[in-house]
Amino acid sequence: MTGMEKVEIPEKIVNEEQLDELLSRPTPEAIEMFSRIDGDIMFLGAGGKIGPTLTRMAKRACEAAGTAKKIYGVSLFESNEQRAVFEKQGIETIHGDLLDRVFIESLPRVKNVFFLAGMKFGSEDNLSLTWAVNSYMPALVADHFSDSRIVAFSTGCVYPLVPVKSGGSLETDNPEPVGEYAQSCLGRERMFEYGSKKHQSLVTLIRLNYSVELRYGVLVDIATKVKNRIPLDITMGYFNVIWQGDVNDYVLRSLDIAASPARILNVTGREILKVRDVALEFGKLFGEKPELIGEEAPTALLNNSGKAFDLFGYPRVPIEKVIYWIAEWMKAEKKLLGKPTHFEVRDGKY
C-alpha cells in the first residue's frame, strides 16, 4: 500500500493556511487507528517545528474517527499567539518547563504520549543543557508516564557516516554517534529504553532524518543558497529527506507498534538524494547557476526506512514535487523560518 491514491497533491501551495492543512491532513489509516486506540493524547514539546501540524493531524484524525479524546499540547510556547492557535484547534495547552520535575509530575498521566522535545542548534555552545534536554528530560518523562504508550523522536544522527552505496543505516546497525549532540540523543533513547524495560511501558523511538516542508529543512537550505548565489559546500554530498506530512502520519501510527523493550524505527524518504543534483534542479527553477564548492565524500549520514515502508506504506508526496513547491514558494517571497539544519556538518558539532 503506497497511500499515493489517498492524497490530492496540489500543483503548488500558495499560503500557510493551505500548507498547514496539507501537512495536517490525516490518512484513512491514521483515522482507523485512532478509532480503536484508547485514552487521551499528550504532545510534549508541541511548540517546535513539527508539533503544530502533528497535533493538528491527531485532532483531525480523532474527529474523523468520531472519538472524543482530550488532546494536550505541552510547551514553553513562543508567544500567546502561538498558544492561541493550538487552543483554537481544540488542543488543550499546558505551559511549562519539561526540565522541571515538579511540573512534569503535575501533568495528567494520559494513555498516549508523543515526546517531541530536544535541543540541537547551539548544542555545542551549551553542552550541559544539551545533555539535560536530550537525556535527563527523557528520564523524567519515562518515569512519570510509566503506564503510557510513548512515541519519542530521536534522530538518524545516532548512526555513523556510512558509504553511500550501503543504502543507509538500518535499525539493526549499532549506533556510533559522532559528537556530543548525537551522543546525547542516544542518551535520550537509552532513557526511554530503560523506562520501557523497567515499567514494561510500550515505546517507539523514531530515528528521523530529515523532515522537510516549505519553510525549513535541508531542501530550503539548499534552495536558499542557490537563489541567493551563496557558495554551497557539497562535501556532505548525499542526504535523505521526507515530506513532513508523511512524517506526521508515520509518527502518529507508530503509536500502534509501540513495544517493550522499545522498538526503533527509521523514518525518512525512499531516495538517497545528491546535493549537486538538487542544487542544479533549484538552479533551473530559479534561473541561477549554483556555485558548488568541494567534492562529495564517499560517506554521508543516511537512513534506510524500509521497515517503516513495510509497516505504513511509501511516502505520499514525492520529493520532486516538494522541490518544485519550495521554488515557487521562495520565488513568491513567502515566509521561511530561518532555522538552517546544518545538514552539511560532518563532525557532529552543531
Protein backbone atom coordinates (compact mmCIF):
# COMPACT_ATOMS: atom_id res chain seq x y z
CA MET A 1 0.00 0.00 0.00
CA THR A 2 1.55 3.32 -1.01
CA GLY A 3 -1.15 5.73 0.12
CA MET A 4 -0.46 7.82 -3.00
CA GLU A 5 -4.03 7.41 -4.16
CA LYS A 6 -5.34 8.84 -0.89
CA VAL A 7 -3.99 12.38 -1.07
CA GLU A 8 -4.68 15.16 -3.53
CA ILE A 9 -1.37 16.78 -4.36
CA PRO A 10 -1.84 20.43 -5.40
CA GLU A 11 0.14 21.90 -8.27
CA LYS A 12 1.60 24.45 -5.88
CA ILE A 13 1.00 25.80 -2.39
CA VAL A 14 0.08 29.46 -2.19
CA ASN A 15 -0.17 30.29 1.52
CA GLU A 16 0.47 28.97 5.02
CA GLU A 17 -3.15 28.03 5.55
CA GLN A 18 -3.04 25.66 2.58
CA LEU A 19 0.38 24.37 3.65
CA ASP A 20 -0.66 23.62 7.23
CA GLU A 21 -3.89 21.98 6.06
CA LEU A 22 -1.94 19.63 3.81
CA LEU A 23 0.69 18.88 6.46
CA SER A 24 -2.01 18.00 8.99
CA ARG A 25 -4.38 16.05 6.73
CA PRO A 26 -4.82 12.58 8.27
CA THR A 27 -4.71 9.40 6.23
CA PRO A 28 -7.52 6.84 6.38
CA GLU A 29 -5.09 4.55 8.18
CA ALA A 30 -4.44 7.13 10.91
CA ILE A 31 -8.16 7.72 11.31
CA GLU A 32 -8.77 3.98 11.63
CA MET A 33 -6.06 3.67 14.28
CA PHE A 34 -7.49 6.45 16.41
CA SER A 35 -10.92 4.87 16.17
CA ARG A 36 -9.65 1.93 18.25
CA ILE A 37 -6.76 3.39 20.33
CA ASP A 38 -7.99 4.04 23.86
CA GLY A 39 -7.12 7.01 26.04
CA ASP A 40 -6.26 10.68 25.75
CA ILE A 41 -3.17 12.04 23.99
CA MET A 42 -0.37 14.38 25.05
CA PHE A 43 2.32 16.04 22.93
CA LEU A 44 5.37 17.12 24.94
CA GLY A 45 7.33 19.89 23.22
CA ALA A 46 4.39 20.74 20.98
CA GLY A 47 5.57 24.26 20.13
CA GLY A 48 8.50 23.28 17.90
CA LYS A 49 8.70 22.95 14.12
CA ILE A 50 6.77 19.68 13.82
CA GLY A 51 4.46 19.94 16.82
CA PRO A 52 1.79 22.31 15.45
CA THR A 53 0.87 20.19 12.41
CA LEU A 54 1.41 16.87 14.20
CA THR A 55 -1.03 17.77 16.97
CA ARG A 56 -3.49 19.13 14.43
CA MET A 57 -3.32 15.91 12.40
CA ALA A 58 -4.07 13.90 15.54
CA LYS A 59 -7.02 16.15 16.34
CA ARG A 60 -8.41 15.89 12.81
CA ALA A 61 -7.95 12.11 12.81
CA CYS A 62 -9.80 11.77 16.11
CA GLU A 63 -12.63 13.98 14.86
CA ALA A 64 -12.90 11.98 11.65
CA ALA A 65 -12.92 8.76 13.69
CA GLY A 66 -15.70 10.10 15.89
CA THR A 67 -13.69 9.63 19.10
CA ALA A 68 -13.90 12.17 21.92
CA LYS A 69 -10.29 12.19 23.06
CA LYS A 70 -8.75 15.04 25.00
CA ILE A 71 -5.53 16.22 23.31
CA TYR A 72 -2.91 18.19 25.22
CA GLY A 73 -0.09 20.31 23.85
CA VAL A 74 2.68 20.94 26.39
CA SER A 75 5.38 23.50 25.66
CA LEU A 76 7.24 26.65 26.60
CA PHE A 77 5.20 28.37 23.89
CA GLU A 78 6.98 31.11 21.93
CA SER A 79 4.07 33.51 22.38
CA ASN A 80 0.47 33.82 23.49
CA GLU A 81 -0.42 33.95 19.80
CA GLN A 82 1.14 30.53 19.15
CA ARG A 83 -0.67 29.07 22.14
CA ALA A 84 -3.96 30.55 20.94
CA VAL A 85 -3.59 28.73 17.61
CA PHE A 86 -3.47 25.40 19.44
CA GLU A 87 -6.47 26.31 21.57
CA LYS A 88 -8.47 27.38 18.53
CA GLN A 89 -7.92 23.93 17.02
CA GLY A 90 -9.25 22.23 20.13
CA ILE A 91 -5.88 21.36 21.68
CA GLU A 92 -5.73 21.95 25.45
CA THR A 93 -2.44 23.73 26.12
CA ILE A 94 -0.23 23.46 29.20
CA HIS A 95 2.64 25.91 29.59
CA GLY A 96 5.70 24.75 31.46
CA ASP A 97 9.32 23.65 31.56
CA LEU A 98 9.84 19.93 30.92
CA LEU A 99 13.16 20.12 32.79
CA ASP A 100 11.19 20.93 35.95
CA ARG A 101 10.46 17.66 37.77
CA VAL A 102 7.62 19.25 39.76
CA PHE A 103 5.99 20.46 36.54
CA ILE A 104 6.27 17.04 34.89
CA GLU A 105 4.78 15.39 37.96
CA SER A 106 1.81 17.78 37.70
CA LEU A 107 0.91 16.58 34.21
CA PRO A 108 -2.06 14.24 33.83
CA ARG A 109 -0.93 10.65 33.20
CA VAL A 110 -2.60 10.16 29.84
CA LYS A 111 -2.53 6.85 27.99
CA ASN A 112 -0.72 8.10 24.87
CA VAL A 113 2.35 10.36 24.84
CA PHE A 114 4.36 11.84 21.98
CA PHE A 115 7.75 13.24 23.01
CA LEU A 116 8.94 15.97 20.62
CA ALA A 117 11.31 18.00 22.79
CA GLY A 118 15.02 18.22 22.01
CA MET A 119 18.00 20.52 21.59
CA LYS A 120 20.23 20.60 18.53
CA PHE A 121 21.13 24.08 17.36
CA GLY A 122 23.61 25.76 19.65
CA SER A 123 24.17 22.47 21.42
CA GLU A 124 27.95 22.78 21.12
CA ASP A 125 27.85 26.11 22.96
CA ASN A 126 25.96 24.71 25.97
CA LEU A 127 26.75 21.03 26.28
CA SER A 128 25.40 20.60 29.79
CA LEU A 129 21.99 21.95 28.73
CA THR A 130 22.12 19.77 25.61
CA TRP A 131 22.56 16.67 27.76
CA ALA A 132 19.89 17.83 30.20
CA VAL A 133 17.29 18.37 27.47
CA ASN A 134 18.19 15.32 25.40
CA SER A 135 18.89 12.78 28.15
CA TYR A 136 17.79 13.94 31.62
CA MET A 137 14.39 15.22 30.49
CA PRO A 138 13.50 11.90 28.76
CA ALA A 139 14.34 10.06 32.01
CA LEU A 140 11.84 12.24 33.87
CA VAL A 141 9.22 11.68 31.19
CA ALA A 142 9.74 7.91 31.01
CA ASP A 143 9.34 7.68 34.79
CA HIS A 144 6.23 9.85 35.08
CA PHE A 145 4.46 8.24 32.12
CA SER A 146 5.40 4.69 33.11
CA ASP A 147 1.92 3.36 32.26
CA SER A 148 1.65 5.17 28.91
CA ARG A 149 2.33 4.27 25.30
CA ILE A 150 5.16 6.57 24.21
CA VAL A 151 6.40 7.61 20.78
CA ALA A 152 9.62 9.60 21.10
CA PHE A 153 11.51 11.50 18.43
CA SER A 154 15.14 10.54 18.06
CA THR A 155 17.44 11.19 15.11
CA GLY A 156 19.38 9.39 12.45
CA CYS A 157 22.42 11.23 13.84
CA VAL A 158 22.91 8.35 16.30
CA TYR A 159 24.26 6.38 13.32
CA PRO A 160 27.76 6.93 11.93
CA LEU A 161 28.51 8.28 8.47
CA VAL A 162 28.14 5.32 6.11
CA PRO A 163 29.16 4.61 2.49
CA VAL A 164 26.59 5.94 0.05
CA LYS A 165 26.48 2.57 -1.71
CA SER A 166 25.35 0.93 1.57
CA GLY A 167 21.82 2.26 1.09
CA GLY A 168 21.78 3.81 4.55
CA SER A 169 21.82 2.63 8.15
CA LEU A 170 19.33 0.04 9.37
CA GLU A 171 17.65 -0.23 12.77
CA THR A 172 19.78 -3.31 13.46
CA ASP A 173 23.03 -1.39 12.95
CA ASN A 174 24.98 -0.36 16.04
CA PRO A 175 24.71 3.34 16.84
CA GLU A 176 28.01 5.22 16.68
CA PRO A 177 27.08 8.84 17.35
CA VAL A 178 29.57 11.49 16.26
CA GLY A 179 29.80 14.47 18.62
CA GLU A 180 28.08 15.26 21.89
CA TYR A 181 24.75 16.29 20.33
CA ALA A 182 24.35 12.86 18.75
CA GLN A 183 25.66 11.17 21.88
CA SER A 184 23.06 12.97 24.00
CA CYS A 185 20.37 11.82 21.56
CA LEU A 186 21.49 8.24 22.07
CA GLY A 187 21.20 9.03 25.78
CA ARG A 188 17.58 10.01 25.13
CA GLU A 189 16.94 6.65 23.53
CA ARG A 190 18.63 4.79 26.37
CA MET A 191 16.46 6.55 28.97
CA PHE A 192 13.27 5.57 27.15
CA GLU A 193 14.62 2.05 26.66
CA TYR A 194 15.37 1.85 30.38
CA GLY A 195 11.87 3.06 31.24
CA SER A 196 10.34 0.60 28.81
CA LYS A 197 12.18 -2.33 30.40
CA LYS A 198 11.66 -1.18 33.98
CA HIS A 199 7.94 -0.43 33.68
CA GLN A 200 7.05 -2.67 30.71
CA SER A 201 5.80 0.52 29.04
CA LEU A 202 5.28 0.41 25.28
CA VAL A 203 7.68 2.69 23.37
CA THR A 204 8.60 3.52 19.77
CA LEU A 205 11.77 5.51 19.07
CA ILE A 206 11.71 7.45 15.78
CA ARG A 207 15.11 7.92 14.14
CA LEU A 208 14.25 10.73 11.74
CA ASN A 209 16.31 12.45 9.05
CA TYR A 210 15.20 14.79 7.67
CA SER A 211 11.71 16.27 7.73
CA VAL A 212 11.07 18.93 5.07
CA GLU A 213 8.35 21.38 4.19
CA LEU A 214 8.32 24.78 2.51
CA ARG A 215 9.50 26.96 5.41
CA TYR A 216 12.51 24.98 6.63
CA GLY A 217 14.57 21.84 6.05
CA VAL A 218 17.51 20.61 4.01
CA LEU A 219 15.83 21.43 0.71
CA VAL A 220 15.12 25.00 1.83
CA ASP A 221 18.76 25.30 2.96
CA ILE A 222 19.99 24.28 -0.49
CA ALA A 223 17.41 26.41 -2.29
CA THR A 224 18.30 29.49 -0.22
CA LYS A 225 21.97 29.28 -1.18
CA VAL A 226 21.20 28.72 -4.85
CA LYS A 227 18.66 31.55 -5.02
CA ASN A 228 20.92 33.99 -3.18
CA ARG A 229 24.10 32.97 -5.05
CA ILE A 230 25.80 31.73 -1.88
CA PRO A 231 28.51 29.06 -2.34
CA LEU A 232 27.25 25.59 -1.43
CA ASP A 233 29.69 23.09 0.09
CA ILE A 234 28.92 19.64 -1.33
CA THR A 235 31.37 17.62 0.77
CA MET A 236 28.37 16.09 2.57
CA GLY A 237 27.15 15.18 -0.85
CA TYR A 238 24.17 12.94 -0.14
CA PHE A 239 21.15 13.01 2.14
CA ASN A 240 17.66 11.65 2.82
CA VAL A 241 14.52 13.73 3.35
CA ILE A 242 10.81 13.09 3.74
CA TRP A 243 7.79 15.39 3.47
CA GLN A 244 6.64 16.46 6.93
CA GLY A 245 3.07 15.42 6.26
CA ASP A 246 4.32 11.87 5.75
CA VAL A 247 6.45 12.17 8.90
CA ASN A 248 3.37 13.20 10.86
CA ASP A 249 1.43 10.19 9.56
CA TYR A 250 4.21 7.70 10.33
CA VAL A 251 4.80 9.14 13.80
CA LEU A 252 1.14 9.03 14.80
CA ARG A 253 0.73 5.49 13.51
CA SER A 254 3.88 4.43 15.36
CA LEU A 255 1.75 4.51 18.49
CA ASP A 256 0.21 1.30 17.16
CA ILE A 257 3.55 -0.56 17.07
CA ALA A 258 4.98 0.58 20.42
CA ALA A 259 6.57 -2.32 22.27
CA SER A 260 8.55 -3.33 25.34
CA PRO A 261 11.52 -3.40 25.01
CA ALA A 262 11.33 -0.20 22.98
CA ARG A 263 11.00 -0.53 19.21
CA ILE A 264 13.30 1.51 16.94
CA LEU A 265 12.01 2.83 13.62
CA ASN A 266 13.90 4.75 10.94
CA VAL A 267 11.79 7.41 9.22
CA THR A 268 12.98 9.06 6.02
CA GLY A 269 12.25 9.15 2.29
CA ARG A 270 12.72 6.49 -0.37
CA GLU A 271 15.63 8.09 -2.20
CA ILE A 272 19.23 8.93 -1.47
CA LEU A 273 19.45 12.42 -2.91
CA LYS A 274 22.60 14.07 -4.22
CA VAL A 275 23.22 17.66 -3.12
CA ARG A 276 24.72 18.53 -6.50
CA ASP A 277 21.65 17.29 -8.41
CA VAL A 278 19.19 19.05 -6.11
CA ALA A 279 21.15 22.30 -6.36
CA LEU A 280 21.16 22.09 -10.16
CA GLU A 281 17.40 21.50 -10.17
CA PHE A 282 16.82 24.55 -7.99
CA GLY A 283 19.16 26.43 -10.31
CA LYS A 284 16.87 25.63 -13.24
CA LEU A 285 13.78 26.67 -11.29
CA PHE A 286 15.35 29.95 -10.12
CA GLY A 287 17.25 30.70 -13.32
CA GLU A 288 20.52 30.72 -11.38
CA LYS A 289 23.79 28.81 -11.72
CA PRO A 290 24.68 27.20 -8.36
CA GLU A 291 28.17 27.84 -7.04
CA LEU A 292 29.30 24.44 -5.77
CA ILE A 293 32.49 24.05 -3.76
CA GLY A 294 34.31 20.93 -2.60
CA GLU A 295 33.89 17.35 -3.72
CA GLU A 296 31.45 14.71 -2.50
CA ALA A 297 32.83 12.50 0.28
CA PRO A 298 32.14 8.76 -0.13
CA THR A 299 30.22 8.66 3.17
CA ALA A 300 27.17 10.51 4.48
CA LEU A 301 24.55 10.42 7.21
CA LEU A 302 21.96 8.18 5.60
CA ASN A 303 18.93 6.28 6.84
CA ASN A 304 17.17 3.22 5.38
CA SER A 305 13.45 3.40 6.11
CA GLY A 306 12.41 0.09 4.56
CA LYS A 307 10.83 -1.17 7.78
CA ALA A 308 8.58 1.91 8.01
CA PHE A 309 7.53 1.43 4.39
CA ASP A 310 6.63 -2.20 5.10
CA LEU A 311 4.53 -1.09 8.07
CA PHE A 312 2.92 2.07 6.77
CA GLY A 313 3.42 2.24 3.00
CA TYR A 314 5.56 4.61 0.96
CA PRO A 315 5.51 8.40 1.41
CA ARG A 316 2.54 10.00 -0.31
CA VAL A 317 4.28 13.15 -1.55
CA PRO A 318 7.25 12.74 -3.94
CA ILE A 319 10.33 14.82 -3.24
CA GLU A 320 10.38 16.11 -6.83
CA LYS A 321 7.07 17.82 -6.10
CA VAL A 322 8.37 19.27 -2.83
CA ILE A 323 11.38 20.77 -4.65
CA TYR A 324 9.03 22.47 -7.12
CA TRP A 325 6.75 23.70 -4.30
CA ILE A 326 9.73 25.19 -2.44
CA ALA A 327 10.98 27.01 -5.54
CA GLU A 328 7.56 28.52 -6.20
CA TRP A 329 7.16 29.42 -2.51
CA MET A 330 10.52 31.17 -2.42
CA LYS A 331 10.01 32.97 -5.72
CA ALA A 332 6.83 34.39 -4.20
CA GLU A 333 8.88 35.55 -1.16
CA LYS A 334 6.76 33.56 1.26
CA LYS A 335 7.67 33.05 4.93
CA LEU A 336 10.73 30.99 5.90
CA LEU A 337 11.58 30.01 9.48
CA GLY A 338 15.25 30.95 9.15
CA LYS A 339 16.37 27.82 11.01
CA PRO A 340 19.08 26.10 8.94
CA THR A 341 19.53 22.38 9.56
CA HIS A 342 23.34 22.35 9.26
CA PHE A 343 22.95 19.08 7.38
CA GLU A 344 26.42 19.61 5.90
CA VAL A 345 28.12 19.15 9.30
CA ARG A 346 30.35 16.05 9.36
CA ASP A 347 31.97 16.34 12.78
CA GLY A 348 28.78 16.36 14.86
CA LYS A 349 29.30 19.91 16.15
CA TYR A 350 26.05 21.85 15.85
